[in-house]
């Protein structure tokens, strides 16, 4: 892979994103794609679709390849249209309630704090799992291991700190006089690894019988603040977004919002063939009985 492209990634993307893009590009090259020829990628796409590879998977590789096209200064390739009928990328308050109810058993206090922080701070998963004890207080959560190692602070919800206080005795018991700066530890008293924490969250979701990923909670947080009247510029700061356009993508209505709005007003919006309005007022016609076009005679019947 070209050294200049690697330098381009280092200058423009976070370490995790660099790793993902490099892995995807190497995968494409290993499967016969000439990355300097966009037609070669298109041919690979056609073959994968014939093998029933999902559009979401193709788009994952396309995202990395479009980054390479950006590096070359060439136009991007449009992503494949998703085949999902109605898909919500945000979690819901019902998801939150189900997850909280599933935080039971020996590790319940730790699991509940993880869910609370994800839903009520907007932290990325890696930011949450990397938190240190000293970075959480009653007033704020300090994020120092953020994307591109950027520093930011987010306010601590009272319920989050309440869960934090309930978790601390459990943490002290597990450590058994050992020292650790990590906020989240496993049952052996060791700092939770990213994979270990993710497995714990997926286990909670499995017990709650819902489909969930940590990033969906982050999207919920952004939209929740927006619905409560918070300005997008402030949400941008709390989320740690470099560009406001990214924040606006998090808070914009999705397909489920549109369907919900229609369903709640379906009776009012519906109409029948008897020319009556949705309110049932016979004097309110869907169209007039006489042609009102000024170019026609006013008494011309419809």
C-alpha atoms as a PDB file:
ATOM      1  CA  UNK A   1       0.000   0.000   0.000  1.00  0.00           C
ATOM      2  CA  UNK A   2       1.261   3.428  -0.893  1.00  0.00           C
ATOM      3  CA  UNK A   3       3.097   5.248   1.886  1.00  0.00           C
ATOM      4  CA  UNK A   4       1.491   8.558   0.947  1.00  0.00           C
ATOM      5  CA  UNK A   5      -1.972   7.086   1.484  1.00  0.00           C
ATOM      6  CA  UNK A   6      -0.947   5.909   4.940  1.00  0.00           C
ATOM      7  CA  UNK A   7       0.284   9.414   5.714  1.00  0.00           C
ATOM      8  CA  UNK A   8      -3.053  10.777   4.447  1.00  0.00           C
ATOM      9  CA  UNK A   9      -4.912   8.497   6.860  1.00  0.00           C
ATOM     10  CA  UNK A  10      -2.712   9.517   9.791  1.00  0.00           C
ATOM     11  CA  UNK A  11      -3.361  13.203   9.088  1.00  0.00           C
ATOM     12  CA  UNK A  12      -7.135  12.929   8.679  1.00  0.00           C
ATOM     13  CA  UNK A  13      -8.533   9.977  10.638  1.00  0.00           C
ATOM     14  CA  UNK A  14      -8.546   8.485  14.110  1.00  0.00           C
ATOM     15  CA  UNK A  15      -6.333   5.479  14.844  1.00  0.00           C
ATOM     16  CA  UNK A  16      -9.264   3.028  14.910  1.00  0.00           C
ATOM     17  CA  UNK A  17     -10.590   4.354  11.592  1.00  0.00           C
ATOM     18  CA  UNK A  18      -7.126   4.097  10.044  1.00  0.00           C
ATOM     19  CA  UNK A  19      -6.924   0.458  11.105  1.00  0.00           C
ATOM     20  CA  UNK A  20     -10.371  -0.347   9.696  1.00  0.00           C
ATOM     21  CA  UNK A  21      -9.689   1.345   6.360  1.00  0.00           C
ATOM     22  CA  UNK A  22      -6.279  -0.300   5.936  1.00  0.00           C
ATOM     23  CA  UNK A  23      -7.765  -3.712   6.708  1.00  0.00           C
ATOM     24  CA  UNK A  24     -10.587  -3.177   4.192  1.00  0.00           C
ATOM     25  CA  UNK A  25      -8.247  -1.974   1.437  1.00  0.00           C
ATOM     26  CA  UNK A  26      -5.944  -4.952   1.985  1.00  0.00           C
ATOM     27  CA  UNK A  27      -8.975  -7.254   1.838  1.00  0.00           C
ATOM     28  CA  UNK A  28      -9.990  -5.771  -1.522  1.00  0.00           C
ATOM     29  CA  UNK A  29      -6.475  -6.105  -2.920  1.00  0.00           C
ATOM     30  CA  UNK A  30      -6.311  -9.688  -1.663  1.00  0.00           C
ATOM     31  CA  UNK A  31      -9.488 -10.481  -3.599  1.00  0.00           C
ATOM     32  CA  UNK A  32      -8.220  -9.200  -6.907  1.00  0.00           C
ATOM     33  CA  UNK A  33      -9.394  -5.571  -6.815  1.00  0.00           C
ATOM     34  CA  UNK A  34      -7.097  -3.075  -8.499  1.00  0.00           C
ATOM     35  CA  UNK A  35      -7.667  -0.109  -6.201  1.00  0.00           C
ATOM     36  CA  UNK A  36      -6.316   2.300  -8.810  1.00  0.00           C
ATOM     37  CA  UNK A  37      -9.118   1.273 -11.178  1.00  0.00           C
ATOM     38  CA  UNK A  38     -12.633   2.074  -9.984  1.00  0.00           C
ATOM     39  CA  UNK A  39     -14.117  -0.256 -12.614  1.00  0.00           C
ATOM     40  CA  UNK A  40     -12.279  -3.112 -10.923  1.00  0.00           C
ATOM     41  CA  UNK A  41     -14.064  -2.295  -7.664  1.00  0.00           C
ATOM     42  CA  UNK A  42     -17.420  -2.096  -9.466  1.00  0.00           C
ATOM     43  CA  UNK A  43     -16.824  -5.521 -11.005  1.00  0.00           C
ATOM     44  CA  UNK A  44     -15.999  -6.940  -7.556  1.00  0.00           C
ATOM     45  CA  UNK A  45     -19.224  -5.388  -6.241  1.00  0.00           C
ATOM     46  CA  UNK A  46     -21.295  -7.072  -8.959  1.00  0.00           C
ATOM     47  CA  UNK A  47     -19.727 -10.452  -8.171  1.00  0.00           C
ATOM     48  CA  UNK A  48     -20.381 -10.067  -4.437  1.00  0.00           C
ATOM     49  CA  UNK A  49     -24.019  -9.122  -5.005  1.00  0.00           C
ATOM     50  CA  UNK A  50     -24.382 -12.235  -7.156  1.00  0.00           C
ATOM     51  CA  UNK A  51     -23.065 -14.185  -4.172  1.00  0.00           C
ATOM     52  CA  UNK A  52     -25.792 -12.500  -2.035  1.00  0.00           C
ATOM     53  CA  UNK A  53     -23.411 -10.324  -0.023  1.00  0.00           C
ATOM     54  CA  UNK A  54     -25.527  -7.751   1.809  1.00  0.00           C
ATOM     55  CA  UNK A  55     -25.439  -4.131   0.706  1.00  0.00           C
ATOM     56  CA  UNK A  56     -24.426  -3.055   4.214  1.00  0.00           C
ATOM     57  CA  UNK A  57     -21.311  -5.234   3.978  1.00  0.00           C
ATOM     58  CA  UNK A  58     -20.453  -3.919   0.512  1.00  0.00           C
ATOM     59  CA  UNK A  59     -20.881  -0.355   1.808  1.00  0.00           C
ATOM     60  CA  UNK A  60     -18.404  -1.087   4.598  1.00  0.00           C
ATOM     61  CA  UNK A  61     -15.686  -1.794   2.008  1.00  0.00           C
ATOM     62  CA  UNK A  62     -16.928   1.036  -0.182  1.00  0.00           C
ATOM     63  CA  UNK A  63     -16.429   3.489   2.666  1.00  0.00           C
ATOM     64  CA  UNK A  64     -12.733   2.581   2.824  1.00  0.00           C
ATOM     65  CA  UNK A  65     -12.403   2.646  -0.961  1.00  0.00           C
ATOM     66  CA  UNK A  66     -14.053   6.076  -1.150  1.00  0.00           C
ATOM     67  CA  UNK A  67     -11.448   7.289   1.319  1.00  0.00           C
ATOM     68  CA  UNK A  68      -8.787   6.097  -1.120  1.00  0.00           C
ATOM     69  CA  UNK A  69     -10.597   7.908  -3.948  1.00  0.00           C
ATOM     70  CA  UNK A  70     -10.580  11.072  -1.814  1.00  0.00           C
ATOM     71  CA  UNK A  71      -6.827  10.652  -1.483  1.00  0.00           C
ATOM     72  CA  UNK A  72      -6.524  10.385  -5.266  1.00  0.00           C
ATOM     73  CA  UNK A  73      -8.793  13.395  -5.756  1.00  0.00           C
ATOM     74  CA  UNK A  74     -11.358  11.347  -7.697  1.00  0.00           C
ATOM     75  CA  UNK A  75     -15.174  11.379  -7.326  1.00  0.00           C
ATOM     76  CA  UNK A  76     -16.672   8.985  -4.828  1.00  0.00           C
ATOM     77  CA  UNK A  77     -18.775   5.947  -5.730  1.00  0.00           C
ATOM     78  CA  UNK A  78     -22.367   6.056  -4.490  1.00  0.00           C
ATOM     79  CA  UNK A  79     -23.176   3.531  -1.754  1.00  0.00           C
ATOM     80  CA  UNK A  80     -25.473   0.596  -2.328  1.00  0.00           C
ATOM     81  CA  UNK A  81     -29.066   1.141  -1.305  1.00  0.00           C
ATOM     82  CA  UNK A  82     -29.874  -0.640   1.928  1.00  0.00           C
ATOM     83  CA  UNK A  83     -32.402  -3.448   1.675  1.00  0.00           C
ATOM     84  CA  UNK A  84     -33.663  -2.898   5.219  1.00  0.00           C
ATOM     85  CA  UNK A  85     -37.317  -1.854   5.145  1.00  0.00           C
ATOM     86  CA  UNK A  86     -37.500   0.276   8.282  1.00  0.00           C
ATOM     87  CA  UNK A  87     -34.288   0.589  10.278  1.00  0.00           C
ATOM     88  CA  UNK A  88     -33.663   2.836  13.268  1.00  0.00           C
ATOM     89  CA  UNK A  89     -30.059   3.593  14.096  1.00  0.00           C
ATOM     90  CA  UNK A  90     -31.037   5.180  17.427  1.00  0.00           C
ATOM     91  CA  UNK A  91     -31.938   3.383  20.590  1.00  0.00           C
ATOM     92  CA  UNK A  92     -35.254   4.256  22.239  1.00  0.00           C
ATOM     93  CA  UNK A  93     -36.391   4.934  25.773  1.00  0.00           C
ATOM     94  CA  UNK A  94     -37.981   1.473  25.672  1.00  0.00           C
ATOM     95  CA  UNK A  95     -34.543  -0.005  24.897  1.00  0.00           C
ATOM     96  CA  UNK A  96     -33.092   1.872  27.872  1.00  0.00           C
ATOM     97  CA  UNK A  97     -35.804   0.580  30.226  1.00  0.00           C
ATOM     98  CA  UNK A  98     -35.344  -2.990  28.992  1.00  0.00           C
ATOM     99  CA  UNK A  99     -31.561  -2.851  29.428  1.00  0.00           C
ATOM    100  CA  UNK A 100     -31.781  -1.366  32.914  1.00  0.00           C
ATOM    101  CA  UNK A 101     -34.236  -4.095  33.923  1.00  0.00           C
ATOM    102  CA  UNK A 102     -31.774  -6.706  32.604  1.00  0.00           C
ATOM    103  CA  UNK A 103     -28.878  -5.420  34.765  1.00  0.00           C
ATOM    104  CA  UNK A 104     -29.256  -8.084  37.428  1.00  0.00           C
ATOM    105  CA  UNK A 105     -27.062 -10.591  39.184  1.00  0.00           C
ATOM    106  CA  UNK A 106     -23.573 -10.281  40.586  1.00  0.00           C
ATOM    107  CA  UNK A 107     -22.330  -7.748  38.018  1.00  0.00           C
ATOM    108  CA  UNK A 108     -25.603  -5.802  38.015  1.00  0.00           C
ATOM    109  CA  UNK A 109     -24.191  -2.578  39.561  1.00  0.00           C
ATOM    110  CA  UNK A 110     -21.386  -2.425  36.987  1.00  0.00           C
ATOM    111  CA  UNK A 111     -23.682  -3.265  34.081  1.00  0.00           C
ATOM    112  CA  UNK A 112     -26.192  -0.608  35.106  1.00  0.00           C
ATOM    113  CA  UNK A 113     -23.509   2.090  35.276  1.00  0.00           C
ATOM    114  CA  UNK A 114     -22.330   1.146  31.779  1.00  0.00           C
ATOM    115  CA  UNK A 115     -25.861   1.485  30.397  1.00  0.00           C
ATOM    116  CA  UNK A 116     -26.450   4.764  32.246  1.00  0.00           C
ATOM    117  CA  UNK A 117     -23.246   6.333  30.910  1.00  0.00           C
ATOM    118  CA  UNK A 118     -23.904   5.209  27.347  1.00  0.00           C
ATOM    119  CA  UNK A 119     -27.434   6.652  27.298  1.00  0.00           C
ATOM    120  CA  UNK A 120     -26.870   9.782  29.380  1.00  0.00           C
ATOM    121  CA  UNK A 121     -23.444  11.072  28.392  1.00  0.00           C
ATOM    122  CA  UNK A 122     -23.181  10.406  24.653  1.00  0.00           C
ATOM    123  CA  UNK A 123     -19.727   8.874  25.058  1.00  0.00           C
ATOM    124  CA  UNK A 124     -18.368   6.646  22.337  1.00  0.00           C
ATOM    125  CA  UNK A 125     -17.990   3.049  23.469  1.00  0.00           C
ATOM    126  CA  UNK A 126     -14.190   3.227  23.617  1.00  0.00           C
ATOM    127  CA  UNK A 127     -14.381   6.461  25.584  1.00  0.00           C
ATOM    128  CA  UNK A 128     -16.716   4.851  28.099  1.00  0.00           C
ATOM    129  CA  UNK A 129     -14.743   1.643  28.590  1.00  0.00           C
ATOM    130  CA  UNK A 130     -11.486   3.635  28.963  1.00  0.00           C
ATOM    131  CA  UNK A 131     -12.756   5.891  31.764  1.00  0.00           C
ATOM    132  CA  UNK A 132     -10.656   6.206  34.902  1.00  0.00           C
ATOM    133  CA  UNK A 133     -11.960   6.697  38.425  1.00  0.00           C
ATOM    134  CA  UNK A 134     -10.570  10.230  38.546  1.00  0.00           C
ATOM    135  CA  UNK A 135     -12.524  11.234  35.426  1.00  0.00           C
ATOM    136  CA  UNK A 136     -15.986  10.800  36.951  1.00  0.00           C
ATOM    137  CA  UNK A 137     -17.410  13.250  39.477  1.00  0.00           C
ATOM    138  CA  UNK A 138     -20.814  14.468  40.598  1.00  0.00           C
ATOM    139  CA  UNK A 139     -20.593  17.451  38.234  1.00  0.00           C
ATOM    140  CA  UNK A 140     -18.957  16.092  35.091  1.00  0.00           C
ATOM    141  CA  UNK A 141     -17.341  13.247  33.176  1.00  0.00           C
ATOM    142  CA  UNK A 142     -13.949  14.032  31.664  1.00  0.00           C
ATOM    143  CA  UNK A 143     -13.140  12.413  28.331  1.00  0.00           C
ATOM    144  CA  UNK A 144      -9.411  12.251  27.644  1.00  0.00           C
ATOM    145  CA  UNK A 145      -9.266   9.133  25.461  1.00  0.00           C
ATOM    146  CA  UNK A 146     -11.641  10.496  22.847  1.00  0.00           C
ATOM    147  CA  UNK A 147     -11.426  10.342  19.080  1.00  0.00           C
ATOM    148  CA  UNK A 148      -8.061  11.748  17.985  1.00  0.00           C
ATOM    149  CA  UNK A 149      -7.288  11.998  21.731  1.00  0.00           C
ATOM    150  CA  UNK A 150      -9.363  15.167  22.041  1.00  0.00           C
ATOM    151  CA  UNK A 151     -10.321  16.412  25.508  1.00  0.00           C
ATOM    152  CA  UNK A 152     -13.903  17.293  26.417  1.00  0.00           C
ATOM    153  CA  UNK A 153     -16.262  17.358  29.375  1.00  0.00           C
ATOM    154  CA  UNK A 154     -19.898  16.308  29.647  1.00  0.00           C
ATOM    155  CA  UNK A 155     -22.266  16.950  32.570  1.00  0.00           C
ATOM    156  CA  UNK A 156     -23.110  14.055  34.872  1.00  0.00           C
ATOM    157  CA  UNK A 157     -26.804  13.264  35.173  1.00  0.00           C
ATOM    158  CA  UNK A 158     -27.860  12.724  38.830  1.00  0.00           C
ATOM    159  CA  UNK A 159     -29.036   9.184  38.042  1.00  0.00           C
ATOM    160  CA  UNK A 160     -25.630   8.395  36.514  1.00  0.00           C
ATOM    161  CA  UNK A 161     -23.787   9.463  39.653  1.00  0.00           C
ATOM    162  CA  UNK A 162     -26.275   7.533  41.781  1.00  0.00           C
ATOM    163  CA  UNK A 163     -25.414   4.377  39.816  1.00  0.00           C
ATOM    164  CA  UNK A 164     -21.730   5.257  40.160  1.00  0.00           C
ATOM    165  CA  UNK A 165     -22.004   5.377  43.966  1.00  0.00           C
ATOM    166  CA  UNK A 166     -23.823   2.020  44.030  1.00  0.00           C
ATOM    167  CA  UNK A 167     -21.126   0.473  41.829  1.00  0.00           C
ATOM    168  CA  UNK A 168     -18.141   1.597  43.922  1.00  0.00           C
ATOM    169  CA  UNK A 169     -18.629  -0.907  46.835  1.00  0.00           C
ATOM    170  CA  UNK A 170     -18.853  -3.739  44.283  1.00  0.00           C
ATOM    171  CA  UNK A 171     -15.665  -2.506  42.606  1.00  0.00           C
ATOM    172  CA  UNK A 172     -13.827  -2.262  45.956  1.00  0.00           C
ATOM    173  CA  UNK A 173     -14.877  -5.806  46.854  1.00  0.00           C
ATOM    174  CA  UNK A 174     -13.657  -7.218  43.523  1.00  0.00           C
ATOM    175  CA  UNK A 175     -10.307  -5.406  43.703  1.00  0.00           C
ATOM    176  CA  UNK A 176      -9.672  -6.807  47.195  1.00  0.00           C
ATOM    177  CA  UNK A 177      -7.081  -4.174  48.199  1.00  0.00           C
ATOM    178  CA  UNK A 178      -5.488  -4.068  44.749  1.00  0.00           C
ATOM    179  CA  UNK A 179      -5.000  -0.726  43.011  1.00  0.00           C
ATOM    180  CA  UNK A 180      -6.513   0.102  39.663  1.00  0.00           C
ATOM    181  CA  UNK A 181      -7.285   3.418  37.984  1.00  0.00           C
ATOM    182  CA  UNK A 182      -9.791   1.847  35.568  1.00  0.00           C
ATOM    183  CA  UNK A 183     -13.431   2.590  36.305  1.00  0.00           C
ATOM    184  CA  UNK A 184     -14.754  -0.658  34.861  1.00  0.00           C
ATOM    185  CA  UNK A 185     -13.223  -3.949  35.934  1.00  0.00           C
ATOM    186  CA  UNK A 186     -14.104  -7.564  35.261  1.00  0.00           C
ATOM    187  CA  UNK A 187     -14.954 -10.191  37.853  1.00  0.00           C
ATOM    188  CA  UNK A 188     -11.247 -10.984  38.259  1.00  0.00           C
ATOM    189  CA  UNK A 189     -10.414  -7.428  39.294  1.00  0.00           C
ATOM    190  CA  UNK A 190      -8.693  -6.566  36.015  1.00  0.00           C
ATOM    191  CA  UNK A 191      -9.499  -3.547  33.814  1.00  0.00           C
ATOM    192  CA  UNK A 192     -12.168  -4.432  31.281  1.00  0.00           C
ATOM    193  CA  UNK A 193     -10.853  -4.804  27.757  1.00  0.00           C
ATOM    194  CA  UNK A 194     -12.843  -3.353  24.836  1.00  0.00           C
ATOM    195  CA  UNK A 195     -13.870  -6.867  23.784  1.00  0.00           C
ATOM    196  CA  UNK A 196     -14.813  -7.840  27.337  1.00  0.00           C
ATOM    197  CA  UNK A 197     -16.950  -4.760  27.827  1.00  0.00           C
ATOM    198  CA  UNK A 198     -18.676  -5.248  24.490  1.00  0.00           C
ATOM    199  CA  UNK A 199     -19.466  -8.860  25.355  1.00  0.00           C
ATOM    200  CA  UNK A 200     -20.930  -7.713  28.670  1.00  0.00           C
ATOM    201  CA  UNK A 201     -23.181  -5.196  26.904  1.00  0.00           C
ATOM    202  CA  UNK A 202     -24.329  -7.753  24.347  1.00  0.00           C
ATOM    203  CA  UNK A 203     -25.135 -10.154  27.190  1.00  0.00           C
ATOM    204  CA  UNK A 204     -27.316  -7.477  28.796  1.00  0.00           C
ATOM    205  CA  UNK A 205     -29.082  -6.909  25.468  1.00  0.00           C
ATOM    206  CA  UNK A 206     -29.615 -10.641  25.072  1.00  0.00           C
ATOM    207  CA  UNK A 207     -31.239 -10.846  28.495  1.00  0.00           C
ATOM    208  CA  UNK A 208     -33.365  -7.810  27.595  1.00  0.00           C
ATOM    209  CA  UNK A 209     -34.307  -9.535  24.308  1.00  0.00           C
ATOM    210  CA  UNK A 210     -33.524  -6.490  22.166  1.00  0.00           C
ATOM    211  CA  UNK A 211     -31.118  -5.646  19.367  1.00  0.00           C
ATOM    212  CA  UNK A 212     -28.629  -3.109  20.672  1.00  0.00           C
ATOM    213  CA  UNK A 213     -25.188  -1.641  20.082  1.00  0.00           C
ATOM    214  CA  UNK A 214     -23.438   1.083  22.142  1.00  0.00           C
ATOM    215  CA  UNK A 215     -23.437   3.545  19.241  1.00  0.00           C
ATOM    216  CA  UNK A 216     -27.230   3.473  19.110  1.00  0.00           C
ATOM    217  CA  UNK A 217     -27.259   4.870  22.666  1.00  0.00           C
ATOM    218  CA  UNK A 218     -24.966   7.695  21.544  1.00  0.00           C
ATOM    219  CA  UNK A 219     -27.414   8.582  18.786  1.00  0.00           C
ATOM    220  CA  UNK A 220     -30.256   8.458  21.296  1.00  0.00           C
ATOM    221  CA  UNK A 221     -28.434  10.950  23.530  1.00  0.00           C
ATOM    222  CA  UNK A 222     -27.976  13.436  20.691  1.00  0.00           C
ATOM    223  CA  UNK A 223     -31.595  13.235  19.561  1.00  0.00           C
ATOM    224  CA  UNK A 224     -32.879  13.376  23.149  1.00  0.00           C
ATOM    225  CA  UNK A 225     -31.001  16.630  23.808  1.00  0.00           C
ATOM    226  CA  UNK A 226     -32.285  18.031  20.507  1.00  0.00           C
ATOM    227  CA  UNK A 227     -35.897  17.127  21.358  1.00  0.00           C
ATOM    228  CA  UNK A 228     -35.457  18.846  24.725  1.00  0.00           C
ATOM    229  CA  UNK A 229     -34.553  22.093  22.932  1.00  0.00           C
ATOM    230  CA  UNK A 230     -30.743  21.988  23.088  1.00  0.00           C
ATOM    231  CA  UNK A 231     -29.044  23.914  20.287  1.00  0.00           C
ATOM    232  CA  UNK A 232     -27.189  21.716  17.737  1.00  0.00           C
ATOM    233  CA  UNK A 233     -23.978  23.684  18.328  1.00  0.00           C
ATOM    234  CA  UNK A 234     -24.054  22.719  22.015  1.00  0.00           C
ATOM    235  CA  UNK A 235     -24.813  19.091  21.184  1.00  0.00           C
ATOM    236  CA  UNK A 236     -21.808  19.150  18.854  1.00  0.00           C
ATOM    237  CA  UNK A 237     -19.539  20.133  21.761  1.00  0.00           C
ATOM    238  CA  UNK A 238     -20.945  17.460  24.058  1.00  0.00           C
ATOM    239  CA  UNK A 239     -20.672  14.759  21.397  1.00  0.00           C
ATOM    240  CA  UNK A 240     -17.117  15.700  20.448  1.00  0.00           C
ATOM    241  CA  UNK A 241     -17.947  16.162  16.774  1.00  0.00           C
ATOM    242  CA  UNK A 242     -15.484  18.138  14.706  1.00  0.00           C
ATOM    243  CA  UNK A 243     -18.173  19.229  12.227  1.00  0.00           C
ATOM    244  CA  UNK A 244     -21.711  20.432  12.902  1.00  0.00           C
ATOM    245  CA  UNK A 245     -22.921  18.498   9.845  1.00  0.00           C
ATOM    246  CA  UNK A 246     -22.124  15.254  11.665  1.00  0.00           C
ATOM    247  CA  UNK A 247     -24.266  16.297  14.629  1.00  0.00           C
ATOM    248  CA  UNK A 248     -27.149  17.199  12.330  1.00  0.00           C
ATOM    249  CA  UNK A 249     -27.042  13.671  10.902  1.00  0.00           C
ATOM    250  CA  UNK A 250     -27.533  12.320  14.434  1.00  0.00           C
ATOM    251  CA  UNK A 251     -30.616  14.433  15.189  1.00  0.00           C
ATOM    252  CA  UNK A 252     -32.443  14.373  11.851  1.00  0.00           C
ATOM    253  CA  UNK A 253     -35.751  12.445  11.637  1.00  0.00           C
ATOM    254  CA  UNK A 254     -35.557   8.901  10.341  1.00  0.00           C
ATOM    255  CA  UNK A 255     -38.028   6.587   8.620  1.00  0.00           C
ATOM    256  CA  UNK A 256     -39.529   5.417  11.907  1.00  0.00           C
ATOM    257  CA  UNK A 257     -40.215   9.040  12.922  1.00  0.00           C
ATOM    258  CA  UNK A 258     -42.035   9.613   9.635  1.00  0.00           C
ATOM    259  CA  UNK A 259     -44.152   6.484  10.035  1.00  0.00           C
ATOM    260  CA  UNK A 260     -44.984   7.379  13.647  1.00  0.00           C
ATOM    261  CA  UNK A 261     -46.079  10.883  12.653  1.00  0.00           C
ATOM    262  CA  UNK A 262     -48.338   9.511   9.939  1.00  0.00           C
ATOM    263  CA  UNK A 263     -49.832   6.786  12.122  1.00  0.00           C
ATOM    264  CA  UNK A 264     -50.691   9.246  14.898  1.00  0.00           C
ATOM    265  CA  UNK A 265     -52.565  11.467  12.430  1.00  0.00           C
ATOM    266  CA  UNK A 266     -53.863   8.818  10.059  1.00  0.00           C
ATOM    267  CA  UNK A 267     -57.552   9.453  10.764  1.00  0.00           C
ATOM    268  CA  UNK A 268     -57.146  13.187  10.271  1.00  0.00           C
ATOM    269  CA  UNK A 269     -55.156  12.774   7.064  1.00  0.00           C
ATOM    270  CA  UNK A 270     -57.342  10.078   5.531  1.00  0.00           C
ATOM    271  CA  UNK A 271     -60.062  10.975   3.024  1.00  0.00           C
ATOM    272  CA  UNK A 272     -62.774   9.159   1.124  1.00  0.00           C
ATOM    273  CA  UNK A 273     -64.349   9.423  -2.304  1.00  0.00           C
ATOM    274  CA  UNK A 274     -67.424  11.369  -1.126  1.00  0.00           C
ATOM    275  CA  UNK A 275     -65.528  14.683  -1.433  1.00  0.00           C
ATOM    276  CA  UNK A 276     -65.937  15.426   2.255  1.00  0.00           C
ATOM    277  CA  UNK A 277     -63.015  16.706   4.262  1.00  0.00           C
ATOM    278  CA  UNK A 278     -61.302  14.566   6.882  1.00  0.00           C
ATOM    279  CA  UNK A 279     -63.303  16.476   9.523  1.00  0.00           C
ATOM    280  CA  UNK A 280     -66.585  15.333   7.961  1.00  0.00           C
ATOM    281  CA  UNK A 281     -67.677  18.872   7.062  1.00  0.00           C
ATOM    282  CA  UNK A 282     -69.754  18.587   3.845  1.00  0.00           C
ATOM    283  CA  UNK A 283     -69.110  22.282   3.060  1.00  0.00           C
ATOM    284  CA  UNK A 284     -65.363  21.684   2.774  1.00  0.00           C
ATOM    285  CA  UNK A 285     -64.860  20.027  -0.600  1.00  0.00           C
ATOM    286  CA  UNK A 286     -61.690  18.493  -1.914  1.00  0.00           C
ATOM    287  CA  UNK A 287     -62.244  20.623  -5.035  1.00  0.00           C
ATOM    288  CA  UNK A 288     -64.827  23.264  -6.024  1.00  0.00           C
ATOM    289  CA  UNK A 289     -67.999  22.440  -7.917  1.00  0.00           C
ATOM    290  CA  UNK A 290     -67.221  25.125 -10.545  1.00  0.00           C
ATOM    291  CA  UNK A 291     -64.089  25.760 -12.544  1.00  0.00           C
ATOM    292  CA  UNK A 292     -62.340  28.812 -11.057  1.00  0.00           C
ATOM    293  CA  UNK A 293     -59.642  29.114 -13.721  1.00  0.00           C
ATOM    294  CA  UNK A 294     -59.674  32.851 -14.696  1.00  0.00           C
ATOM    295  CA  UNK A 295     -59.180  31.917 -18.335  1.00  0.00           C
ATOM    296  CA  UNK A 296     -62.459  30.019 -18.360  1.00  0.00           C
ATOM    297  CA  UNK A 297     -66.025  31.287 -17.984  1.00  0.00           C
ATOM    298  CA  UNK A 298     -66.877  31.557 -14.281  1.00  0.00           C
ATOM    299  CA  UNK A 299     -70.094  29.637 -14.731  1.00  0.00           C
ATOM    300  CA  UNK A 300     -68.422  26.719 -16.477  1.00  0.00           C
ATOM    301  CA  UNK A 301     -69.367  23.521 -14.612  1.00  0.00           C
ATOM    302  CA  UNK A 302     -66.694  21.118 -13.517  1.00  0.00           C
END
